Amino acid sequence: MTRSYHSPRRAQDAADTRRDILRAAAELFSANGYARVTVAEIAKRAGVAPQTVYTSAGSKSEILHKVVSESIARSDAAAVIEAIRETEGIAAALTVLAKGTRMGNESEQQVVEVLFAAFPVHEDGAALWEHSTRSYRRALREAAEHLEGKGLLRMDVERATDVLWFCFGFGAWRTLVKECGWSWDDAEKWLAQQAITTFTH
């Protein structure tokens, strides 16, 4: 029986190449818009051949999905939910949620902007949106379930999840910070207060 050969050096080189490709793609998507970027341009920015882009990271559409997935992983929603579970009152829980979603949106704002530009022109914008928001909305649902478990909700979990998405989803942060020019601090304080008012009145 032939034994497979595994080279840690080769695996690390492949991981580094994939990272460079995704970073180059994110930069180009952000600067030029998803629709106008080609695989050849991604390859040139990453310093690899176009075929290497396909074998390491896939098509342009697949690359965007990977960029989004890595952004989601970096946001560390699990840590935010764990912090919320340590709270008792609804104001404290929503203040923690405001901070957590602010940090995720602020640190990943380049990817968020790429997403908003890509949705209208992506090969399957609906699937991209669902992929981009699934774990975000799941985390908000977990927050709503925590509030329900504490007897703090005046609405069902589904409605509460929707309200939390309205208060703390991509659109809320983007509207205040990018479109209205608010600071992240001001947006965090205001969105937290709006959520607290909504859930307590």
N, C-alpha and C. Protein backbone atom coordinates (compact mmCIF):
# COMPACT_ATOMS: atom_id res chain seq x y z
N MET A 1 0.84 -1.18 0.00
CA MET A 1 0.00 0.00 0.00
C MET A 1 0.89 1.25 0.00
N THR A 2 0.57 2.18 -0.87
CA THR A 2 1.36 3.40 -0.96
C THR A 2 1.00 4.35 0.18
N ARG A 3 2.00 4.82 0.87
CA ARG A 3 1.78 5.77 1.96
C ARG A 3 1.74 7.18 1.41
N SER A 4 0.76 7.94 1.87
CA SER A 4 0.67 9.33 1.42
C SER A 4 1.75 10.15 2.12
N TYR A 5 2.27 11.12 1.40
CA TYR A 5 3.33 11.96 1.94
C TYR A 5 2.74 13.32 2.32
N HIS A 6 2.98 13.72 3.55
CA HIS A 6 2.47 15.01 4.01
C HIS A 6 3.64 15.91 4.38
N SER A 7 3.74 17.04 3.71
CA SER A 7 4.82 17.98 3.97
C SER A 7 4.27 19.19 4.70
N PRO A 8 4.64 19.39 5.96
CA PRO A 8 4.19 20.58 6.69
C PRO A 8 4.59 21.86 5.98
N ARG A 9 5.81 21.87 5.38
CA ARG A 9 6.27 23.07 4.68
C ARG A 9 5.38 23.37 3.48
N ARG A 10 5.02 22.32 2.74
CA ARG A 10 4.18 22.50 1.57
C ARG A 10 2.78 22.98 1.99
N ALA A 11 2.27 22.41 3.07
CA ALA A 11 0.95 22.83 3.55
C ALA A 11 0.97 24.29 3.99
N GLN A 12 2.05 24.71 4.64
CA GLN A 12 2.16 26.10 5.09
C GLN A 12 2.27 27.04 3.89
N ASP A 13 3.04 26.62 2.88
CA ASP A 13 3.16 27.44 1.67
C ASP A 13 1.80 27.60 1.00
N ALA A 14 1.02 26.53 0.96
CA ALA A 14 -0.31 26.59 0.34
C ALA A 14 -1.22 27.52 1.12
N ALA A 15 -1.14 27.45 2.46
CA ALA A 15 -1.96 28.31 3.30
C ALA A 15 -1.56 29.78 3.12
N ASP A 16 -0.27 30.03 3.02
CA ASP A 16 0.21 31.40 2.81
C ASP A 16 -0.26 31.94 1.46
N THR A 17 -0.21 31.09 0.44
CA THR A 17 -0.66 31.51 -0.89
C THR A 17 -2.14 31.84 -0.87
N ARG A 18 -2.94 30.99 -0.24
CA ARG A 18 -4.38 31.23 -0.15
C ARG A 18 -4.66 32.53 0.60
N ARG A 19 -3.93 32.76 1.68
CA ARG A 19 -4.10 33.99 2.46
C ARG A 19 -3.78 35.21 1.61
N ASP A 20 -2.69 35.14 0.86
CA ASP A 20 -2.30 36.27 0.01
C ASP A 20 -3.34 36.54 -1.06
N ILE A 21 -3.92 35.50 -1.61
CA ILE A 21 -4.95 35.65 -2.65
C ILE A 21 -6.19 36.30 -2.06
N LEU A 22 -6.64 35.83 -0.91
CA LEU A 22 -7.84 36.39 -0.30
C LEU A 22 -7.62 37.85 0.11
N ARG A 23 -6.44 38.15 0.62
CA ARG A 23 -6.14 39.53 1.00
C ARG A 23 -6.12 40.43 -0.23
N ALA A 24 -5.49 39.97 -1.30
CA ALA A 24 -5.44 40.75 -2.53
C ALA A 24 -6.84 40.97 -3.08
N ALA A 25 -7.66 39.93 -3.05
CA ALA A 25 -9.03 40.04 -3.56
C ALA A 25 -9.83 41.04 -2.74
N ALA A 26 -9.73 40.96 -1.42
CA ALA A 26 -10.48 41.90 -0.56
C ALA A 26 -10.08 43.33 -0.84
N GLU A 27 -8.77 43.56 -1.02
CA GLU A 27 -8.29 44.92 -1.31
C GLU A 27 -8.82 45.43 -2.65
N LEU A 28 -8.80 44.56 -3.65
CA LEU A 28 -9.27 44.96 -4.98
C LEU A 28 -10.78 45.15 -5.01
N PHE A 29 -11.52 44.23 -4.36
CA PHE A 29 -12.97 44.38 -4.30
C PHE A 29 -13.34 45.70 -3.63
N SER A 30 -12.61 46.03 -2.57
CA SER A 30 -12.90 47.26 -1.83
C SER A 30 -12.59 48.50 -2.67
N ALA A 31 -11.47 48.46 -3.38
CA ALA A 31 -11.03 49.63 -4.13
C ALA A 31 -11.80 49.83 -5.44
N ASN A 32 -12.11 48.72 -6.13
CA ASN A 32 -12.65 48.83 -7.49
C ASN A 32 -14.08 48.32 -7.64
N GLY A 33 -14.60 47.63 -6.63
CA GLY A 33 -15.92 47.02 -6.76
C GLY A 33 -15.81 45.59 -7.25
N TYR A 34 -16.62 44.72 -6.70
CA TYR A 34 -16.56 43.30 -7.05
C TYR A 34 -16.70 43.07 -8.55
N ALA A 35 -17.66 43.75 -9.19
CA ALA A 35 -17.96 43.48 -10.61
C ALA A 35 -16.78 43.79 -11.52
N ARG A 36 -15.97 44.77 -11.16
CA ARG A 36 -14.91 45.21 -12.05
C ARG A 36 -13.58 44.48 -11.85
N VAL A 37 -13.50 43.63 -10.85
CA VAL A 37 -12.25 42.93 -10.56
C VAL A 37 -12.23 41.59 -11.30
N THR A 38 -11.10 41.27 -11.91
CA THR A 38 -10.94 39.99 -12.60
C THR A 38 -10.01 39.08 -11.80
N VAL A 39 -10.09 37.79 -12.11
CA VAL A 39 -9.18 36.84 -11.47
C VAL A 39 -7.73 37.16 -11.84
N ALA A 40 -7.52 37.62 -13.06
CA ALA A 40 -6.15 37.97 -13.48
C ALA A 40 -5.60 39.11 -12.61
N GLU A 41 -6.45 40.07 -12.27
CA GLU A 41 -6.00 41.17 -11.42
C GLU A 41 -5.71 40.70 -10.00
N ILE A 42 -6.53 39.78 -9.50
CA ILE A 42 -6.28 39.21 -8.18
C ILE A 42 -4.94 38.48 -8.18
N ALA A 43 -4.71 37.71 -9.24
CA ALA A 43 -3.45 36.97 -9.35
C ALA A 43 -2.25 37.91 -9.37
N LYS A 44 -2.35 38.99 -10.15
CA LYS A 44 -1.25 39.95 -10.24
C LYS A 44 -0.97 40.59 -8.89
N ARG A 45 -2.04 41.00 -8.17
CA ARG A 45 -1.85 41.62 -6.86
C ARG A 45 -1.23 40.64 -5.87
N ALA A 46 -1.62 39.38 -5.96
CA ALA A 46 -1.11 38.36 -5.02
C ALA A 46 0.25 37.82 -5.43
N GLY A 47 0.69 38.13 -6.65
CA GLY A 47 1.99 37.65 -7.11
C GLY A 47 2.00 36.19 -7.49
N VAL A 48 0.86 35.69 -8.04
CA VAL A 48 0.77 34.29 -8.45
C VAL A 48 0.16 34.23 -9.85
N ALA A 49 0.16 33.03 -10.43
CA ALA A 49 -0.46 32.83 -11.73
C ALA A 49 -1.97 32.72 -11.57
N PRO A 50 -2.75 33.12 -12.58
CA PRO A 50 -4.21 33.00 -12.50
C PRO A 50 -4.68 31.59 -12.15
N GLN A 51 -4.02 30.57 -12.72
CA GLN A 51 -4.44 29.20 -12.42
C GLN A 51 -4.25 28.88 -10.94
N THR A 52 -3.25 29.49 -10.32
CA THR A 52 -3.03 29.27 -8.89
C THR A 52 -4.18 29.84 -8.07
N VAL A 53 -4.75 30.94 -8.54
CA VAL A 53 -5.92 31.51 -7.85
C VAL A 53 -7.05 30.49 -7.84
N TYR A 54 -7.31 29.90 -9.02
CA TYR A 54 -8.41 28.93 -9.11
C TYR A 54 -8.15 27.69 -8.25
N THR A 55 -6.93 27.18 -8.27
CA THR A 55 -6.65 25.96 -7.53
C THR A 55 -6.57 26.20 -6.02
N SER A 56 -6.14 27.38 -5.61
CA SER A 56 -5.97 27.68 -4.19
C SER A 56 -7.22 28.23 -3.53
N ALA A 57 -7.99 29.06 -4.28
CA ALA A 57 -9.11 29.76 -3.66
C ALA A 57 -10.41 29.67 -4.44
N GLY A 58 -10.36 29.19 -5.69
CA GLY A 58 -11.58 29.01 -6.45
C GLY A 58 -11.88 30.18 -7.38
N SER A 59 -13.12 30.23 -7.84
CA SER A 59 -13.57 31.29 -8.74
C SER A 59 -13.71 32.60 -7.99
N LYS A 60 -13.98 33.67 -8.72
CA LYS A 60 -14.14 34.98 -8.08
C LYS A 60 -15.28 34.94 -7.06
N SER A 61 -16.38 34.30 -7.43
CA SER A 61 -17.51 34.17 -6.51
C SER A 61 -17.13 33.39 -5.26
N GLU A 62 -16.42 32.29 -5.46
CA GLU A 62 -15.98 31.47 -4.31
C GLU A 62 -15.00 32.24 -3.44
N ILE A 63 -14.15 33.05 -4.06
CA ILE A 63 -13.20 33.86 -3.30
C ILE A 63 -13.95 34.83 -2.39
N LEU A 64 -14.99 35.48 -2.92
CA LEU A 64 -15.75 36.42 -2.10
C LEU A 64 -16.40 35.70 -0.92
N HIS A 65 -16.94 34.51 -1.16
CA HIS A 65 -17.53 33.74 -0.07
C HIS A 65 -16.48 33.42 0.99
N LYS A 66 -15.26 33.09 0.57
CA LYS A 66 -14.20 32.79 1.52
C LYS A 66 -13.79 34.03 2.30
N VAL A 67 -13.71 35.17 1.61
CA VAL A 67 -13.38 36.43 2.28
C VAL A 67 -14.42 36.72 3.37
N VAL A 68 -15.69 36.51 3.03
CA VAL A 68 -16.78 36.74 3.99
C VAL A 68 -16.67 35.76 5.15
N SER A 69 -16.43 34.49 4.85
CA SER A 69 -16.34 33.47 5.91
C SER A 69 -15.24 33.78 6.90
N GLU A 70 -14.09 34.21 6.39
CA GLU A 70 -12.97 34.54 7.29
C GLU A 70 -13.29 35.78 8.11
N SER A 71 -14.00 36.72 7.52
CA SER A 71 -14.42 37.91 8.26
C SER A 71 -15.35 37.53 9.39
N ILE A 72 -16.30 36.63 9.10
CA ILE A 72 -17.24 36.16 10.12
C ILE A 72 -16.49 35.49 11.26
N ALA A 73 -15.52 34.66 10.93
CA ALA A 73 -14.75 33.96 11.96
C ALA A 73 -13.99 34.94 12.85
N ARG A 74 -13.46 36.00 12.25
CA ARG A 74 -12.71 36.99 13.03
C ARG A 74 -13.61 37.77 13.99
N SER A 75 -14.89 37.89 13.67
CA SER A 75 -15.79 38.70 14.50
C SER A 75 -16.03 38.10 15.88
N ASP A 76 -15.80 36.78 16.03
CA ASP A 76 -15.87 36.10 17.33
C ASP A 76 -17.20 36.36 18.05
N ALA A 77 -18.30 36.04 17.37
CA ALA A 77 -19.62 36.24 17.94
C ALA A 77 -19.81 35.42 19.21
N ALA A 78 -19.15 34.26 19.30
CA ALA A 78 -19.31 33.40 20.46
C ALA A 78 -18.87 34.11 21.75
N ALA A 79 -17.80 34.90 21.66
CA ALA A 79 -17.32 35.62 22.84
C ALA A 79 -18.32 36.68 23.27
N VAL A 80 -18.97 37.33 22.29
CA VAL A 80 -19.97 38.35 22.62
C VAL A 80 -21.16 37.71 23.32
N ILE A 81 -21.63 36.58 22.80
CA ILE A 81 -22.77 35.90 23.41
C ILE A 81 -22.42 35.43 24.81
N GLU A 82 -21.21 34.96 25.00
CA GLU A 82 -20.79 34.51 26.34
C GLU A 82 -20.81 35.68 27.31
N ALA A 83 -20.37 36.84 26.86
CA ALA A 83 -20.39 38.04 27.72
C ALA A 83 -21.83 38.44 28.05
N ILE A 84 -22.73 38.31 27.08
CA ILE A 84 -24.14 38.64 27.32
C ILE A 84 -24.74 37.70 28.35
N ARG A 85 -24.35 36.44 28.31
CA ARG A 85 -24.89 35.46 29.27
C ARG A 85 -24.46 35.77 30.70
N GLU A 86 -23.42 36.56 30.85
CA GLU A 86 -22.96 36.93 32.18
C GLU A 86 -23.75 38.11 32.75
N THR A 87 -24.59 38.73 31.92
CA THR A 87 -25.36 39.90 32.38
C THR A 87 -26.68 39.45 33.00
N GLU A 88 -27.29 40.36 33.73
CA GLU A 88 -28.58 40.07 34.37
C GLU A 88 -29.70 40.92 33.77
N GLY A 89 -29.55 42.23 33.75
CA GLY A 89 -30.60 43.11 33.26
C GLY A 89 -30.56 43.28 31.76
N ILE A 90 -31.68 43.73 31.20
CA ILE A 90 -31.77 43.88 29.75
C ILE A 90 -30.88 45.02 29.25
N ALA A 91 -30.75 46.09 30.03
CA ALA A 91 -29.91 47.21 29.61
C ALA A 91 -28.45 46.77 29.51
N ALA A 92 -28.00 46.00 30.49
CA ALA A 92 -26.61 45.52 30.46
C ALA A 92 -26.38 44.59 29.27
N ALA A 93 -27.33 43.71 29.00
CA ALA A 93 -27.18 42.77 27.88
C ALA A 93 -27.11 43.51 26.56
N LEU A 94 -27.98 44.49 26.38
CA LEU A 94 -28.00 45.23 25.11
C LEU A 94 -26.79 46.14 24.97
N THR A 95 -26.27 46.64 26.07
CA THR A 95 -25.05 47.45 26.02
C THR A 95 -23.87 46.59 25.57
N VAL A 96 -23.79 45.37 26.09
CA VAL A 96 -22.73 44.44 25.67
C VAL A 96 -22.90 44.08 24.20
N LEU A 97 -24.14 43.87 23.77
CA LEU A 97 -24.40 43.52 22.37
C LEU A 97 -24.03 44.68 21.45
N ALA A 98 -24.32 45.90 21.88
CA ALA A 98 -23.93 47.07 21.09
C ALA A 98 -22.42 47.12 20.92
N LYS A 99 -21.71 46.91 22.01
CA LYS A 99 -20.24 46.93 21.96
C LYS A 99 -19.71 45.83 21.04
N GLY A 100 -20.24 44.62 21.20
CA GLY A 100 -19.76 43.49 20.42
C GLY A 100 -20.01 43.65 18.93
N THR A 101 -21.21 44.07 18.56
CA THR A 101 -21.51 44.23 17.14
C THR A 101 -20.76 45.43 16.56
N ARG A 102 -20.54 46.45 17.39
CA ARG A 102 -19.74 47.59 16.94
C ARG A 102 -18.32 47.14 16.59
N MET A 103 -17.70 46.35 17.48
CA MET A 103 -16.33 45.91 17.24
C MET A 103 -16.23 45.08 15.97
N GLY A 104 -17.23 44.19 15.76
CA GLY A 104 -17.21 43.37 14.56
C GLY A 104 -17.36 44.19 13.30
N ASN A 105 -18.31 45.13 13.30
CA ASN A 105 -18.53 45.96 12.12
C ASN A 105 -17.39 46.92 11.87
N GLU A 106 -16.82 47.46 12.94
CA GLU A 106 -15.71 48.40 12.78
C GLU A 106 -14.47 47.72 12.24
N SER A 107 -14.12 46.57 12.81
CA SER A 107 -12.90 45.89 12.39
C SER A 107 -13.02 45.28 11.00
N GLU A 108 -14.26 44.95 10.59
CA GLU A 108 -14.46 44.31 9.29
C GLU A 108 -15.18 45.22 8.31
N GLN A 109 -15.05 46.55 8.49
CA GLN A 109 -15.82 47.46 7.64
C GLN A 109 -15.43 47.35 6.17
N GLN A 110 -14.18 47.00 5.86
CA GLN A 110 -13.80 46.83 4.46
C GLN A 110 -14.62 45.72 3.81
N VAL A 111 -14.77 44.60 4.51
CA VAL A 111 -15.54 43.47 3.97
C VAL A 111 -17.02 43.82 3.88
N VAL A 112 -17.54 44.55 4.86
CA VAL A 112 -18.94 44.96 4.82
C VAL A 112 -19.20 45.82 3.58
N GLU A 113 -18.30 46.74 3.29
CA GLU A 113 -18.47 47.59 2.11
C GLU A 113 -18.39 46.78 0.82
N VAL A 114 -17.50 45.81 0.80
CA VAL A 114 -17.42 44.92 -0.36
C VAL A 114 -18.74 44.19 -0.57
N LEU A 115 -19.32 43.72 0.53
CA LEU A 115 -20.60 43.00 0.45
C LEU A 115 -21.70 43.88 -0.13
N PHE A 116 -21.84 45.09 0.40
CA PHE A 116 -22.91 45.96 -0.06
C PHE A 116 -22.73 46.31 -1.54
N ALA A 117 -21.50 46.43 -1.99
CA ALA A 117 -21.26 46.72 -3.40
C ALA A 117 -21.49 45.49 -4.28
N ALA A 118 -21.27 44.29 -3.70
CA ALA A 118 -21.36 43.07 -4.50
C ALA A 118 -22.78 42.53 -4.65
N PHE A 119 -23.64 42.75 -3.64
CA PHE A 119 -24.98 42.15 -3.68
C PHE A 119 -25.71 42.36 -5.00
N PRO A 120 -25.75 43.59 -5.55
CA PRO A 120 -26.55 43.80 -6.77
C PRO A 120 -25.98 43.14 -8.02
N VAL A 121 -24.68 42.84 -8.02
CA VAL A 121 -24.04 42.34 -9.23
C VAL A 121 -23.49 40.93 -9.08
N HIS A 122 -23.57 40.36 -7.90
CA HIS A 122 -23.05 39.02 -7.67
C HIS A 122 -23.89 37.99 -8.43
N GLU A 123 -23.24 36.88 -8.82
CA GLU A 123 -23.92 35.84 -9.58
C GLU A 123 -25.16 35.31 -8.86
N ASP A 124 -25.12 35.29 -7.53
CA ASP A 124 -26.29 34.87 -6.74
C ASP A 124 -26.32 35.72 -5.48
N GLY A 125 -26.80 36.96 -5.63
CA GLY A 125 -26.80 37.90 -4.52
C GLY A 125 -27.56 37.43 -3.31
N ALA A 126 -28.68 36.72 -3.54
CA ALA A 126 -29.50 36.23 -2.41
C ALA A 126 -28.72 35.22 -1.58
N ALA A 127 -28.01 34.32 -2.24
CA ALA A 127 -27.22 33.32 -1.51
C ALA A 127 -26.08 33.99 -0.77
N LEU A 128 -25.46 34.99 -1.39
CA LEU A 128 -24.36 35.70 -0.74
C LEU A 128 -24.86 36.40 0.52
N TRP A 129 -26.02 37.06 0.43
CA TRP A 129 -26.59 37.74 1.58
C TRP A 129 -26.90 36.75 2.71
N GLU A 130 -27.50 35.62 2.35
CA GLU A 130 -27.84 34.62 3.36
C GLU A 130 -26.58 34.08 4.02
N HIS A 131 -25.55 33.83 3.22
CA HIS A 131 -24.28 33.35 3.74
C HIS A 131 -23.64 34.39 4.67
N SER A 132 -23.77 35.65 4.30
CA SER A 132 -23.12 36.73 5.04
C SER A 132 -23.80 37.03 6.37
N THR A 133 -25.10 36.80 6.43
CA THR A 133 -25.87 37.20 7.61
C THR A 133 -26.27 36.04 8.52
N ARG A 134 -26.08 34.81 8.06
CA ARG A 134 -26.59 33.65 8.81
C ARG A 134 -26.06 33.61 10.24
N SER A 135 -24.75 33.63 10.40
CA SER A 135 -24.19 33.49 11.74
C SER A 135 -24.44 34.75 12.58
N TYR A 136 -24.49 35.91 11.93
CA TYR A 136 -24.77 37.17 12.62
C TYR A 136 -26.17 37.10 13.23
N ARG A 137 -27.15 36.72 12.43
CA ARG A 137 -28.52 36.62 12.93
C ARG A 137 -28.67 35.51 13.96
N ARG A 138 -27.89 34.43 13.79
CA ARG A 138 -27.94 33.34 14.78
C ARG A 138 -27.45 33.84 16.14
N ALA A 139 -26.40 34.66 16.12
CA ALA A 139 -25.88 35.21 17.37
C ALA A 139 -26.91 36.14 18.03
N LEU A 140 -27.60 36.94 17.20
CA LEU A 140 -28.63 37.82 17.75
C LEU A 140 -29.79 37.00 18.31
N ARG A 141 -30.11 35.89 17.67
CA ARG A 141 -31.16 35.02 18.20
C ARG A 141 -30.75 34.45 19.56
N GLU A 142 -29.48 34.07 19.69
CA GLU A 142 -29.01 33.56 20.98
C GLU A 142 -29.13 34.63 22.06
N ALA A 143 -28.86 35.88 21.68
CA ALA A 143 -29.03 36.99 22.63
C ALA A 143 -30.49 37.11 23.03
N ALA A 144 -31.39 37.01 22.05
CA ALA A 144 -32.83 37.08 22.33
C ALA A 144 -33.27 35.92 23.22
N GLU A 145 -32.74 34.75 22.98
CA GLU A 145 -33.09 33.59 23.81
C GLU A 145 -32.61 33.77 25.24
N HIS A 146 -31.45 34.40 25.40
CA HIS A 146 -30.96 34.70 26.75
C HIS A 146 -31.93 35.63 27.48
N LEU A 147 -32.37 36.66 26.78
CA LEU A 147 -33.31 37.61 27.38
C LEU A 147 -34.62 36.92 27.73
N GLU A 148 -35.05 36.04 26.84
CA GLU A 148 -36.29 35.30 27.12
C GLU A 148 -36.12 34.41 28.35
N GLY A 149 -34.97 33.76 28.44
CA GLY A 149 -34.71 32.89 29.57
C GLY A 149 -34.67 33.64 30.90
N LYS A 150 -34.31 34.90 30.85
CA LYS A 150 -34.30 35.73 32.05
C LYS A 150 -35.66 36.37 32.32
N GLY A 151 -36.65 36.08 31.45
CA GLY A 151 -37.97 36.67 31.63
C GLY A 151 -38.03 38.15 31.30
N LEU A 152 -37.14 38.60 30.39
CA LEU A 152 -37.02 40.03 30.10
C LEU A 152 -37.66 40.44 28.78
N LEU A 153 -38.16 39.48 28.01
CA LEU A 153 -38.74 39.81 26.71
C LEU A 153 -40.24 40.06 26.81
N ARG A 154 -40.69 41.08 26.07
CA ARG A 154 -42.12 41.35 25.96
C ARG A 154 -42.64 40.96 24.59
N MET A 155 -41.84 40.26 23.83
CA MET A 155 -42.22 39.78 22.50
C MET A 155 -41.62 38.40 22.32
N ASP A 156 -42.02 37.68 21.28
CA ASP A 156 -41.45 36.35 21.09
C ASP A 156 -40.02 36.47 20.54
N VAL A 157 -39.31 35.35 20.58
CA VAL A 157 -37.89 35.34 20.21
C VAL A 157 -37.69 35.73 18.75
N GLU A 158 -38.57 35.27 17.87
CA GLU A 158 -38.44 35.60 16.45
C GLU A 158 -38.52 37.11 16.23
N ARG A 159 -39.53 37.74 16.85
CA ARG A 159 -39.67 39.18 16.70
C ARG A 159 -38.48 39.91 17.34
N ALA A 160 -38.05 39.44 18.49
CA ALA A 160 -36.92 40.07 19.17
C ALA A 160 -35.65 39.98 18.32
N THR A 161 -35.44 38.83 17.65
CA THR A 161 -34.27 38.68 16.78
C THR A 161 -34.32 39.69 15.64
N ASP A 162 -35.51 39.87 15.07
CA ASP A 162 -35.66 40.85 13.99
C ASP A 162 -35.38 42.27 14.48
N VAL A 163 -35.85 42.59 15.67
CA VAL A 163 -35.63 43.93 16.23
C VAL A 163 -34.14 44.14 16.50
N LEU A 164 -33.47 43.11 17.00
CA LEU A 164 -32.03 43.22 17.25
C LEU A 164 -31.26 43.39 15.94
N TRP A 165 -31.72 42.73 14.90
CA TRP A 165 -31.08 42.91 13.59
C TRP A 165 -31.28 44.34 13.09
N PHE A 166 -32.47 44.87 13.31
CA PHE A 166 -32.75 46.25 12.92
C PHE A 166 -31.84 47.22 13.68
N CYS A 167 -31.65 46.95 14.96
CA CYS A 167 -30.83 47.84 15.81
C CYS A 167 -29.33 47.67 15.60
N PHE A 168 -28.89 46.44 15.37
CA PHE A 168 -27.45 46.16 15.40
C PHE A 168 -26.92 45.45 14.16
N GLY A 169 -27.73 45.27 13.14
CA GLY A 169 -27.27 44.61 11.92
C GLY A 169 -26.34 45.49 11.10
N PHE A 170 -25.87 44.94 9.99
CA PHE A 170 -24.96 45.69 9.11
C PHE A 170 -25.50 47.07 8.78
N GLY A 171 -26.79 47.11 8.42
CA GLY A 171 -27.37 48.35 7.93
C GLY A 171 -27.36 49.48 8.94
N ALA A 172 -27.61 49.14 10.22
CA ALA A 172 -27.67 50.17 11.26
C ALA A 172 -26.32 50.87 11.41
N TRP A 173 -25.27 50.09 11.52
CA TRP A 173 -23.93 50.66 11.70
C TRP A 173 -23.50 51.42 10.44
N ARG A 174 -23.77 50.83 9.28
CA ARG A 174 -23.34 51.45 8.03
C ARG A 174 -24.06 52.78 7.80
N THR A 175 -25.35 52.82 8.11
CA THR A 175 -26.11 54.06 7.91
C THR A 175 -25.55 55.19 8.75
N LEU A 176 -25.32 54.93 10.04
CA LEU A 176 -24.87 55.99 10.92
C LEU A 176 -23.42 56.39 10.67
N VAL A 177 -22.54 55.40 10.51
CA VAL A 177 -21.11 55.71 10.41
C VAL A 177 -20.71 56.13 9.00
N LYS A 178 -21.07 55.34 8.00
CA LYS A 178 -20.62 55.65 6.64
C LYS A 178 -21.48 56.73 5.99
N GLU A 179 -22.81 56.57 6.08
CA GLU A 179 -23.68 57.49 5.35
C GLU A 179 -23.90 58.81 6.09
N CYS A 180 -23.95 58.75 7.42
CA CYS A 180 -24.23 59.97 8.19
C CYS A 180 -22.98 60.59 8.82
N GLY A 181 -21.88 59.86 8.80
CA GLY A 181 -20.63 60.42 9.30
C GLY A 181 -20.47 60.41 10.82
N TRP A 182 -21.28 59.60 11.53
CA TRP A 182 -21.14 59.52 12.98
C TRP A 182 -19.84 58.81 13.35
N SER A 183 -19.35 59.07 14.54
CA SER A 183 -18.22 58.29 15.06
C SER A 183 -18.76 56.94 15.52
N TRP A 184 -17.86 55.96 15.60
CA TRP A 184 -18.28 54.65 16.08
C TRP A 184 -18.77 54.73 17.52
N ASP A 185 -18.12 55.56 18.33
CA ASP A 185 -18.55 55.72 19.73
C ASP A 185 -19.97 56.27 19.81
N ASP A 186 -20.26 57.32 19.03
CA ASP A 186 -21.59 57.90 19.07
C ASP A 186 -22.64 56.92 18.57
N ALA A 187 -22.30 56.18 17.51
CA ALA A 187 -23.24 55.20 16.97
C ALA A 187 -23.51 54.10 18.00
N GLU A 188 -22.48 53.63 18.67
CA GLU A 188 -22.65 52.58 19.67
C GLU A 188 -23.58 53.03 20.80
N LYS A 189 -23.34 54.23 21.32
CA LYS A 189 -24.16 54.74 22.42
C LYS A 189 -25.62 54.91 21.99
N TRP A 190 -25.81 55.47 20.80
CA TRP A 190 -27.17 55.76 20.35
C TRP A 190 -27.94 54.47 20.04
N LEU A 191 -27.29 53.54 19.35
CA LEU A 191 -27.97 52.29 19.02
C LEU A 191 -28.29 51.49 20.28
N ALA A 192 -27.38 51.49 21.24
CA ALA A 192 -27.67 50.80 22.50
C ALA A 192 -28.87 51.41 23.18
N GLN A 193 -28.94 52.73 23.22
CA GLN A 193 -30.06 53.39 23.88
C GLN A 193 -31.38 53.13 23.14
N GLN A 194 -31.34 53.14 21.83
CA GLN A 194 -32.56 52.85 21.07
C GLN A 194 -33.05 51.44 21.34
N ALA A 195 -32.12 50.49 21.39
CA ALA A 195 -32.51 49.11 21.67
C ALA A 195 -33.07 48.98 23.08
N ILE A 196 -32.43 49.61 24.05
CA ILE A 196 -32.91 49.54 25.42
C ILE A 196 -34.31 50.12 25.53
N THR A 197 -34.53 51.27 24.89
CA THR A 197 -35.84 51.90 24.90
C THR A 197 -36.89 50.99 24.26
N THR A 198 -36.54 50.39 23.14
CA THR A 198 -37.47 49.51 22.42
C THR A 198 -37.89 48.31 23.26
N PHE A 199 -36.92 47.74 23.97
CA PHE A 199 -37.20 46.50 24.70
C PHE A 199 -37.76 46.75 26.12
N THR A 200 -37.76 47.99 26.57
CA THR A 200 -38.23 48.24 27.95
C THR A 200 -39.48 49.12 28.00
N HIS A 201 -39.96 49.60 26.86
CA HIS A 201 -41.15 50.45 26.86
C HIS A 201 -42.27 49.85 26.02
